[in-house]
Amino acid sequence: MAKLSARFVRPEKSYKTNQGVPLKVVLTNTGKEDVSVLVWNTPLDGLVTDCLHVRVKGKKVPYDGPIIKRAAPTAEDYITIKAGKSVQGEFMVSDGYNTSLPGTYNVKLKNPVPDVVPKSAKLRTAMKAGAHVRKPVPIKSATSFKVEKGPGKRLTLGEQARNQESATKKRGPAKAMKKKAAAKGVVAPATKGGTSAKKKAAVKAHTDGYKLCLQALGELANDAHYVEWFGKHNATRFKKVKSHYSAVKTLMQTTSLLIT
């Protein structure tokens, strides 16, 4: 039977609430033969998963990281640990568990190694034939670390995702309104008198004027064109010019003007 032992490399004595807490785990093959090890859902996984029991002030810290759905493993998902040798991995506990509360955190490994196979076994062939049966191996280790009050808090990956989703929802209505305003464009004017051709030309000139107004607003800046038309730049004059163009734009977007 395969023999494995696990241990945490003790973290720093203390961290701040705004800092991430890395935990390093060492897995050692204490047996006499090389083994292939599936490290899914352990701290050696390379991904943030629910692989720890975390408690602070007597209360369980729930997992708040990615929920990973996987297909069946292949031989490429195994690593080799030679007899008497070790492998190690680092797990950022703060990515999956909230460590922003000051206190002493106690951490234990939650899951066994899901499968350990003698290196001499024909794992790839057995898996392709569907004949391989997993053999989990329990591992145990515990550690602790202290978190002190700092400037702010460290967010878990779950909190980061929820904040991003909330921000996206808030931006949605604003984008929709902006898009609606852009689609609205200039209100068609009414015309009185003149020939059909002149009326058509007047409407075109009105539309072109609106486009020029938008262009002027978009390019309004302290440059040679501004000085040529409005004189020496200063904050008060710039603000006044911009307000006039904005008023023209609003009027043309909301009112049907009469051209005679």
C-alpha atoms as a PDB file:
ATOM      1  CA  MET A   1       0.000   0.000   0.000  1.00  0.00           C
ATOM      2  CA  ALA A   2       1.239   3.470  -0.891  1.00  0.00           C
ATOM      3  CA  LYS A   3       2.402   5.610   2.001  1.00  0.00           C
ATOM      4  CA  LEU A   4       2.221   9.376   1.932  1.00  0.00           C
ATOM      5  CA  SER A   5       2.737  12.037   4.564  1.00  0.00           C
ATOM      6  CA  ALA A   6       1.831  15.708   4.372  1.00  0.00           C
ATOM      7  CA  ARG A   7       2.929  18.743   6.294  1.00  0.00           C
ATOM      8  CA  PHE A   8       2.364  22.477   6.140  1.00  0.00           C
ATOM      9  CA  VAL A   9       5.421  24.693   6.028  1.00  0.00           C
ATOM     10  CA  ARG A  10       4.529  27.018   8.868  1.00  0.00           C
ATOM     11  CA  PRO A  11       3.538  30.448   7.500  1.00  0.00           C
ATOM     12  CA  GLU A  12       4.790  33.765   8.825  1.00  0.00           C
ATOM     13  CA  LYS A  13       3.895  34.572  12.423  1.00  0.00           C
ATOM     14  CA  SER A  14       1.273  37.150  11.433  1.00  0.00           C
ATOM     15  CA  TYR A  15      -0.380  38.930   8.539  1.00  0.00           C
ATOM     16  CA  LYS A  16      -2.573  42.009   8.115  1.00  0.00           C
ATOM     17  CA  THR A  17      -6.261  41.858   7.149  1.00  0.00           C
ATOM     18  CA  ASN A  18      -5.425  43.349   3.751  1.00  0.00           C
ATOM     19  CA  GLN A  19      -2.712  40.785   2.972  1.00  0.00           C
ATOM     20  CA  GLY A  20      -2.931  37.407   1.305  1.00  0.00           C
ATOM     21  CA  VAL A  21      -1.883  34.354   3.325  1.00  0.00           C
ATOM     22  CA  PRO A  22       0.112  31.720   1.376  1.00  0.00           C
ATOM     23  CA  LEU A  23       0.285  28.178   2.730  1.00  0.00           C
ATOM     24  CA  LYS A  24       2.953  25.801   1.476  1.00  0.00           C
ATOM     25  CA  VAL A  25       2.225  22.076   1.649  1.00  0.00           C
ATOM     26  CA  VAL A  26       4.809  19.306   1.270  1.00  0.00           C
ATOM     27  CA  LEU A  27       3.725  15.788   0.248  1.00  0.00           C
ATOM     28  CA  THR A  28       6.277  13.016   0.834  1.00  0.00           C
ATOM     29  CA  ASN A  29       6.348   9.487  -0.505  1.00  0.00           C
ATOM     30  CA  THR A  30       7.391   7.471   2.546  1.00  0.00           C
ATOM     31  CA  GLY A  31       7.045   4.152   0.728  1.00  0.00           C
ATOM     32  CA  LYS A  32       9.682   2.076  -1.076  1.00  0.00           C
ATOM     33  CA  GLU A  33       8.445   2.502  -4.633  1.00  0.00           C
ATOM     34  CA  ASP A  34       7.706   5.427  -6.916  1.00  0.00           C
ATOM     35  CA  VAL A  35       4.035   6.425  -7.171  1.00  0.00           C
ATOM     36  CA  SER A  36       1.756   8.380  -9.486  1.00  0.00           C
ATOM     37  CA  VAL A  37      -0.440  10.787  -7.569  1.00  0.00           C
ATOM     38  CA  LEU A  38      -3.630  12.582  -8.551  1.00  0.00           C
ATOM     39  CA  VAL A  39      -3.575  15.886  -6.646  1.00  0.00           C
ATOM     40  CA  TRP A  40      -6.988  17.234  -7.588  1.00  0.00           C
ATOM     41  CA  ASN A  41      -8.724  19.095  -4.753  1.00  0.00           C
ATOM     42  CA  THR A  42      -5.603  19.202  -2.611  1.00  0.00           C
ATOM     43  CA  PRO A  43      -3.293  22.198  -1.970  1.00  0.00           C
ATOM     44  CA  LEU A  44      -0.954  20.722  -4.597  1.00  0.00           C
ATOM     45  CA  ASP A  45      -3.602  21.093  -7.299  1.00  0.00           C
ATOM     46  CA  GLY A  46      -2.389  24.403  -8.709  1.00  0.00           C
ATOM     47  CA  LEU A  47      -5.974  25.679  -8.556  1.00  0.00           C
ATOM     48  CA  VAL A  48      -7.994  27.234  -5.749  1.00  0.00           C
ATOM     49  CA  THR A  49     -10.399  24.555  -4.499  1.00  0.00           C
ATOM     50  CA  ASP A  50     -12.267  23.743  -1.299  1.00  0.00           C
ATOM     51  CA  CYS A  51      -9.478  21.624   0.172  1.00  0.00           C
ATOM     52  CA  LEU A  52      -9.089  23.061   3.689  1.00  0.00           C
ATOM     53  CA  HIS A  53     -10.885  23.238   7.003  1.00  0.00           C
ATOM     54  CA  VAL A  54     -10.412  26.820   8.223  1.00  0.00           C
ATOM     55  CA  ARG A  55     -11.611  28.161  11.575  1.00  0.00           C
ATOM     56  CA  VAL A  56     -11.183  31.468  13.404  1.00  0.00           C
ATOM     57  CA  LYS A  57     -12.482  32.265  16.885  1.00  0.00           C
ATOM     58  CA  GLY A  58     -14.178  28.859  16.980  1.00  0.00           C
ATOM     59  CA  LYS A  59     -16.184  29.469  13.803  1.00  0.00           C
ATOM     60  CA  LYS A  60     -15.840  27.775  10.445  1.00  0.00           C
ATOM     61  CA  VAL A  61     -14.708  30.001   7.594  1.00  0.00           C
ATOM     62  CA  PRO A  62     -16.776  28.947   4.552  1.00  0.00           C
ATOM     63  CA  TYR A  63     -15.171  28.397   1.196  1.00  0.00           C
ATOM     64  CA  ASP A  64     -15.641  31.352  -1.169  1.00  0.00           C
ATOM     65  CA  GLY A  65     -13.641  30.539  -4.268  1.00  0.00           C
ATOM     66  CA  PRO A  66     -14.184  29.012  -7.711  1.00  0.00           C
ATOM     67  CA  ILE A  67     -16.352  25.908  -8.087  1.00  0.00           C
ATOM     68  CA  ILE A  68     -14.509  23.704 -10.550  1.00  0.00           C
ATOM     69  CA  LYS A  69     -16.238  21.046 -12.628  1.00  0.00           C
ATOM     70  CA  ARG A  70     -13.972  18.515 -14.255  1.00  0.00           C
ATOM     71  CA  ALA A  71     -14.192  15.579 -16.584  1.00  0.00           C
ATOM     72  CA  ALA A  72     -12.600  12.278 -15.603  1.00  0.00           C
ATOM     73  CA  PRO A  73      -8.833  12.577 -15.071  1.00  0.00           C
ATOM     74  CA  THR A  74      -6.299  11.323 -17.580  1.00  0.00           C
ATOM     75  CA  ALA A  75      -2.780  10.055 -16.990  1.00  0.00           C
ATOM     76  CA  GLU A  76      -1.506  13.604 -17.630  1.00  0.00           C
ATOM     77  CA  ASP A  77      -3.301  14.757 -14.454  1.00  0.00           C
ATOM     78  CA  TYR A  78      -0.979  12.660 -12.261  1.00  0.00           C
ATOM     79  CA  ILE A  79       2.427  13.601 -10.902  1.00  0.00           C
ATOM     80  CA  THR A  80       5.229  11.244  -9.955  1.00  0.00           C
ATOM     81  CA  ILE A  81       6.752  11.170  -6.492  1.00  0.00           C
ATOM     82  CA  LYS A  82       9.822   8.987  -6.223  1.00  0.00           C
ATOM     83  CA  ALA A  83      10.365   6.785  -3.171  1.00  0.00           C
ATOM     84  CA  GLY A  84      11.580   8.890  -0.263  1.00  0.00           C
ATOM     85  CA  LYS A  85      11.121  12.144  -2.176  1.00  0.00           C
ATOM     86  CA  SER A  86       8.711  15.066  -1.803  1.00  0.00           C
ATOM     87  CA  VAL A  87       6.752  17.521  -3.885  1.00  0.00           C
ATOM     88  CA  GLN A  88       5.332  20.806  -2.689  1.00  0.00           C
ATOM     89  CA  GLY A  89       2.740  23.339  -3.675  1.00  0.00           C
ATOM     90  CA  GLU A  90       1.634  26.738  -2.475  1.00  0.00           C
ATOM     91  CA  PHE A  91      -2.011  27.535  -1.846  1.00  0.00           C
ATOM     92  CA  MET A  92      -3.204  31.115  -1.353  1.00  0.00           C
ATOM     93  CA  VAL A  93      -5.688  30.434   1.431  1.00  0.00           C
ATOM     94  CA  SER A  94      -7.023  34.015   1.259  1.00  0.00           C
ATOM     95  CA  ASP A  95      -8.234  33.432  -2.312  1.00  0.00           C
ATOM     96  CA  GLY A  96     -10.681  30.772  -1.161  1.00  0.00           C
ATOM     97  CA  TYR A  97     -11.322  31.612   2.499  1.00  0.00           C
ATOM     98  CA  ASN A  98     -11.970  35.020   4.043  1.00  0.00           C
ATOM     99  CA  THR A  99      -8.982  35.964   6.221  1.00  0.00           C
ATOM    100  CA  SER A 100      -9.981  39.603   6.781  1.00  0.00           C
ATOM    101  CA  LEU A 101     -11.154  39.051  10.371  1.00  0.00           C
ATOM    102  CA  PRO A 102      -8.406  39.610  12.958  1.00  0.00           C
ATOM    103  CA  GLY A 103      -7.640  36.512  14.998  1.00  0.00           C
ATOM    104  CA  THR A 104      -5.802  33.197  14.991  1.00  0.00           C
ATOM    105  CA  TYR A 105      -6.724  30.914  12.095  1.00  0.00           C
ATOM    106  CA  ASN A 106      -6.491  27.140  12.449  1.00  0.00           C
ATOM    107  CA  VAL A 107      -6.119  25.188   9.224  1.00  0.00           C
ATOM    108  CA  LYS A 108      -6.363  21.460   8.473  1.00  0.00           C
ATOM    109  CA  LEU A 109      -6.251  19.467   5.272  1.00  0.00           C
ATOM    110  CA  LYS A 110      -9.765  18.490   4.222  1.00  0.00           C
ATOM    111  CA  ASN A 111      -9.436  15.885   1.486  1.00  0.00           C
ATOM    112  CA  PRO A 112      -7.437  12.697   0.971  1.00  0.00           C
ATOM    113  CA  VAL A 113      -5.214  12.357  -2.062  1.00  0.00           C
ATOM    114  CA  PRO A 114      -7.867  11.063  -4.483  1.00  0.00           C
ATOM    115  CA  ASP A 115      -5.713   8.434  -6.159  1.00  0.00           C
ATOM    116  CA  VAL A 116      -2.251   6.928  -5.664  1.00  0.00           C
ATOM    117  CA  VAL A 117      -0.928   4.304  -8.093  1.00  0.00           C
ATOM    118  CA  PRO A 118       2.409   2.437  -8.138  1.00  0.00           C
ATOM    119  CA  LYS A 119       4.527   3.959 -10.897  1.00  0.00           C
ATOM    120  CA  SER A 120       5.119   0.461 -12.259  1.00  0.00           C
ATOM    121  CA  ALA A 121       1.400  -0.006 -12.952  1.00  0.00           C
ATOM    122  CA  LYS A 122       0.226   0.580 -16.494  1.00  0.00           C
ATOM    123  CA  LEU A 123      -1.967   3.527 -15.534  1.00  0.00           C
ATOM    124  CA  ARG A 124      -2.505   4.963 -19.012  1.00  0.00           C
ATOM    125  CA  THR A 125      -3.527   1.601 -20.460  1.00  0.00           C
ATOM    126  CA  ALA A 126      -5.878   0.833 -17.562  1.00  0.00           C
ATOM    127  CA  MET A 127      -7.536   4.254 -17.795  1.00  0.00           C
ATOM    128  CA  LYS A 128      -8.092   3.958 -21.527  1.00  0.00           C
ATOM    129  CA  ALA A 129      -9.663   0.546 -20.991  1.00  0.00           C
ATOM    130  CA  GLY A 130     -11.878   1.905 -18.193  1.00  0.00           C
ATOM    131  CA  ALA A 131     -10.416  -0.664 -15.817  1.00  0.00           C
ATOM    132  CA  HIS A 132      -8.707   1.700 -13.400  1.00  0.00           C
ATOM    133  CA  VAL A 133     -10.165   2.009  -9.891  1.00  0.00           C
ATOM    134  CA  ARG A 134      -9.064   4.960  -7.795  1.00  0.00           C
ATOM    135  CA  LYS A 135      -7.339   4.324  -4.469  1.00  0.00           C
ATOM    136  CA  PRO A 136      -7.578   7.381  -2.192  1.00  0.00           C
ATOM    137  CA  VAL A 137      -4.912   7.834   0.484  1.00  0.00           C
ATOM    138  CA  PRO A 138      -5.726   9.942   3.565  1.00  0.00           C
ATOM    139  CA  ILE A 139      -3.276  12.690   4.529  1.00  0.00           C
ATOM    140  CA  LYS A 140      -3.322  14.847   7.628  1.00  0.00           C
ATOM    141  CA  SER A 141      -1.635  18.072   8.595  1.00  0.00           C
ATOM    142  CA  ALA A 142      -2.552  21.226  10.473  1.00  0.00           C
ATOM    143  CA  THR A 143      -1.135  24.679  11.035  1.00  0.00           C
ATOM    144  CA  SER A 144      -2.164  28.122  12.225  1.00  0.00           C
ATOM    145  CA  PHE A 145      -1.441  31.759  11.537  1.00  0.00           C
ATOM    146  CA  LYS A 146      -2.410  35.084  13.059  1.00  0.00           C
ATOM    147  CA  VAL A 147      -4.112  37.981  11.301  1.00  0.00           C
ATOM    148  CA  GLU A 148      -3.933  41.493  12.722  1.00  0.00           C
ATOM    149  CA  LYS A 149      -5.985  44.528  11.787  1.00  0.00           C
ATOM    150  CA  GLY A 150      -4.608  46.329   8.751  1.00  0.00           C
ATOM    151  CA  PRO A 151      -5.665  49.021   6.275  1.00  0.00           C
ATOM    152  CA  GLY A 152      -8.667  47.444   4.601  1.00  0.00           C
ATOM    153  CA  LYS A 153      -9.401  43.808   3.815  1.00  0.00           C
ATOM    154  CA  ARG A 154      -8.274  41.145   1.393  1.00  0.00           C
ATOM    155  CA  LEU A 155     -11.101  39.961  -0.885  1.00  0.00           C
ATOM    156  CA  THR A 156     -11.626  36.311  -1.745  1.00  0.00           C
ATOM    157  CA  LEU A 157     -11.991  35.353  -5.399  1.00  0.00           C
ATOM    158  CA  GLY A 158     -15.725  34.948  -4.760  1.00  0.00           C
ATOM    159  CA  GLU A 159     -16.017  38.503  -3.428  1.00  0.00           C
ATOM    160  CA  GLN A 160     -14.023  39.863  -6.349  1.00  0.00           C
ATOM    161  CA  ALA A 161     -16.312  38.122  -8.832  1.00  0.00           C
ATOM    162  CA  ARG A 162     -19.463  39.399  -7.114  1.00  0.00           C
ATOM    163  CA  ASN A 163     -18.129  42.965  -7.006  1.00  0.00           C
ATOM    164  CA  GLN A 164     -17.290  42.804 -10.697  1.00  0.00           C
ATOM    165  CA  GLU A 165     -20.735  41.445 -11.523  1.00  0.00           C
ATOM    166  CA  SER A 166     -22.381  44.205  -9.483  1.00  0.00           C
ATOM    167  CA  ALA A 167     -20.308  46.882 -11.225  1.00  0.00           C
ATOM    168  CA  THR A 168     -21.226  45.442 -14.624  1.00  0.00           C
ATOM    169  CA  LYS A 169     -24.939  45.551 -13.765  1.00  0.00           C
ATOM    170  CA  LYS A 170     -24.636  49.183 -12.663  1.00  0.00           C
ATOM    171  CA  ARG A 171     -22.872  50.135 -15.879  1.00  0.00           C
ATOM    172  CA  GLY A 172     -25.505  48.386 -17.965  1.00  0.00           C
ATOM    173  CA  PRO A 173     -28.334  50.975 -17.597  1.00  0.00           C
ATOM    174  CA  ALA A 174     -25.905  53.853 -18.129  1.00  0.00           C
ATOM    175  CA  LYS A 175     -24.637  52.281 -21.351  1.00  0.00           C
ATOM    176  CA  ALA A 176     -28.196  51.627 -22.502  1.00  0.00           C
ATOM    177  CA  MET A 177     -29.155  55.262 -21.887  1.00  0.00           C
ATOM    178  CA  LYS A 178     -26.089  56.490 -23.723  1.00  0.00           C
ATOM    179  CA  LYS A 179     -26.827  54.176 -26.640  1.00  0.00           C
ATOM    180  CA  LYS A 180     -30.441  55.334 -26.687  1.00  0.00           C
ATOM    181  CA  ALA A 181     -29.366  58.964 -26.718  1.00  0.00           C
ATOM    182  CA  ALA A 182     -26.951  58.298 -29.580  1.00  0.00           C
ATOM    183  CA  ALA A 183     -29.640  56.447 -31.531  1.00  0.00           C
ATOM    184  CA  LYS A 184     -32.083  59.289 -30.884  1.00  0.00           C
ATOM    185  CA  GLY A 185     -29.957  61.816 -32.737  1.00  0.00           C
ATOM    186  CA  VAL A 186     -31.329  65.024 -34.175  1.00  0.00           C
ATOM    187  CA  VAL A 187     -35.085  65.676 -34.268  1.00  0.00           C
ATOM    188  CA  ALA A 188     -36.277  66.354 -37.810  1.00  0.00           C
ATOM    189  CA  PRO A 189     -37.186  70.047 -38.317  1.00  0.00           C
ATOM    190  CA  ALA A 190     -40.400  71.398 -39.749  1.00  0.00           C
ATOM    191  CA  THR A 191     -40.241  73.569 -42.871  1.00  0.00           C
ATOM    192  CA  LYS A 192     -42.416  76.400 -44.146  1.00  0.00           C
ATOM    193  CA  GLY A 193     -42.373  77.937 -47.582  1.00  0.00           C
ATOM    194  CA  GLY A 194     -39.882  77.404 -50.364  1.00  0.00           C
ATOM    195  CA  THR A 195     -39.698  74.760 -53.011  1.00  0.00           C
ATOM    196  CA  SER A 196     -39.348  71.056 -52.390  1.00  0.00           C
ATOM    197  CA  ALA A 197     -35.669  71.193 -53.311  1.00  0.00           C
ATOM    198  CA  LYS A 198     -35.012  74.093 -50.929  1.00  0.00           C
ATOM    199  CA  LYS A 199     -36.846  72.330 -48.120  1.00  0.00           C
ATOM    200  CA  LYS A 200     -34.716  69.237 -48.680  1.00  0.00           C
ATOM    201  CA  ALA A 201     -31.531  71.320 -48.655  1.00  0.00           C
ATOM    202  CA  ALA A 202     -32.616  73.078 -45.443  1.00  0.00           C
ATOM    203  CA  VAL A 203     -33.247  69.768 -43.661  1.00  0.00           C
ATOM    204  CA  LYS A 204     -29.848  68.491 -44.820  1.00  0.00           C
ATOM    205  CA  ALA A 205     -28.141  71.643 -43.560  1.00  0.00           C
ATOM    206  CA  HIS A 206     -29.906  71.231 -40.221  1.00  0.00           C
ATOM    207  CA  THR A 207     -28.673  67.615 -39.913  1.00  0.00           C
ATOM    208  CA  ASP A 208     -25.163  68.583 -40.981  1.00  0.00           C
ATOM    209  CA  GLY A 209     -25.144  71.337 -38.383  1.00  0.00           C
ATOM    210  CA  TYR A 210     -26.041  68.825 -35.704  1.00  0.00           C
ATOM    211  CA  LYS A 211     -23.169  66.580 -36.778  1.00  0.00           C
ATOM    212  CA  LEU A 212     -20.769  69.525 -36.655  1.00  0.00           C
ATOM    213  CA  CYS A 213     -22.010  70.349 -33.158  1.00  0.00           C
ATOM    214  CA  LEU A 214     -21.240  66.803 -31.997  1.00  0.00           C
ATOM    215  CA  GLN A 215     -17.837  66.926 -33.686  1.00  0.00           C
ATOM    216  CA  ALA A 216     -17.009  70.247 -32.040  1.00  0.00           C
ATOM    217  CA  LEU A 217     -17.962  68.901 -28.618  1.00  0.00           C
ATOM    218  CA  GLY A 218     -15.881  65.789 -29.143  1.00  0.00           C
ATOM    219  CA  GLU A 219     -12.794  67.713 -30.279  1.00  0.00           C
ATOM    220  CA  LEU A 220     -13.100  70.762 -28.052  1.00  0.00           C
ATOM    221  CA  ALA A 221      -9.683  71.348 -26.501  1.00  0.00           C
ATOM    222  CA  ASN A 222      -7.074  73.987 -25.778  1.00  0.00           C
ATOM    223  CA  ASP A 223      -5.520  74.027 -29.234  1.00  0.00           C
ATOM    224  CA  ALA A 224      -4.990  76.332 -32.231  1.00  0.00           C
ATOM    225  CA  HIS A 225      -8.559  75.877 -33.523  1.00  0.00           C
ATOM    226  CA  TYR A 226     -10.009  76.908 -30.179  1.00  0.00           C
ATOM    227  CA  VAL A 227      -7.813  80.042 -29.984  1.00  0.00           C
ATOM    228  CA  GLU A 228      -8.669  80.986 -33.568  1.00  0.00           C
ATOM    229  CA  TRP A 229     -12.421  80.936 -32.930  1.00  0.00           C
ATOM    230  CA  PHE A 230     -12.760  81.797 -29.253  1.00  0.00           C
ATOM    231  CA  GLY A 231      -9.577  83.605 -28.252  1.00  0.00           C
ATOM    232  CA  LYS A 232      -7.061  82.899 -25.511  1.00  0.00           C
ATOM    233  CA  HIS A 233      -7.906  79.817 -23.456  1.00  0.00           C
ATOM    234  CA  ASN A 234      -8.954  79.983 -19.830  1.00  0.00           C
ATOM    235  CA  ALA A 235     -11.106  77.694 -17.698  1.00  0.00           C
ATOM    236  CA  THR A 236     -14.083  80.059 -17.475  1.00  0.00           C
ATOM    237  CA  ARG A 237     -14.261  80.719 -21.218  1.00  0.00           C
ATOM    238  CA  PHE A 238     -13.770  77.038 -22.075  1.00  0.00           C
ATOM    239  CA  LYS A 239     -16.607  76.050 -19.758  1.00  0.00           C
ATOM    240  CA  LYS A 240     -18.892  78.660 -21.334  1.00  0.00           C
ATOM    241  CA  VAL A 241     -18.112  77.533 -24.885  1.00  0.00           C
ATOM    242  CA  LYS A 242     -18.731  73.927 -24.007  1.00  0.00           C
ATOM    243  CA  SER A 243     -22.026  74.748 -22.303  1.00  0.00           C
ATOM    244  CA  HIS A 244     -23.227  76.554 -25.441  1.00  0.00           C
ATOM    245  CA  TYR A 245     -22.437  73.608 -27.701  1.00  0.00           C
ATOM    246  CA  SER A 246     -24.099  71.249 -25.209  1.00  0.00           C
ATOM    247  CA  ALA A 247     -27.216  73.437 -25.158  1.00  0.00           C
ATOM    248  CA  VAL A 248     -27.382  73.395 -28.957  1.00  0.00           C
ATOM    249  CA  LYS A 249     -27.025  69.604 -29.010  1.00  0.00           C
ATOM    250  CA  THR A 250     -29.767  69.137 -26.389  1.00  0.00           C
ATOM    251  CA  LEU A 251     -32.109  71.491 -28.219  1.00  0.00           C
ATOM    252  CA  MET A 252     -31.620  69.714 -31.538  1.00  0.00           C
ATOM    253  CA  GLN A 253     -32.171  66.309 -29.896  1.00  0.00           C
ATOM    254  CA  THR A 254     -35.383  67.334 -28.143  1.00  0.00           C
ATOM    255  CA  THR A 255     -37.111  69.986 -30.270  1.00  0.00           C
ATOM    256  CA  SER A 256     -38.470  70.092 -33.787  1.00  0.00           C
ATOM    257  CA  LEU A 257     -37.294  73.474 -35.032  1.00  0.00           C
ATOM    258  CA  LEU A 258     -39.176  75.416 -37.717  1.00  0.00           C
ATOM    259  CA  ILE A 259     -37.160  76.439 -40.784  1.00  0.00           C
ATOM    260  CA  THR A 260     -38.777  79.136 -42.909  1.00  0.00           C
END
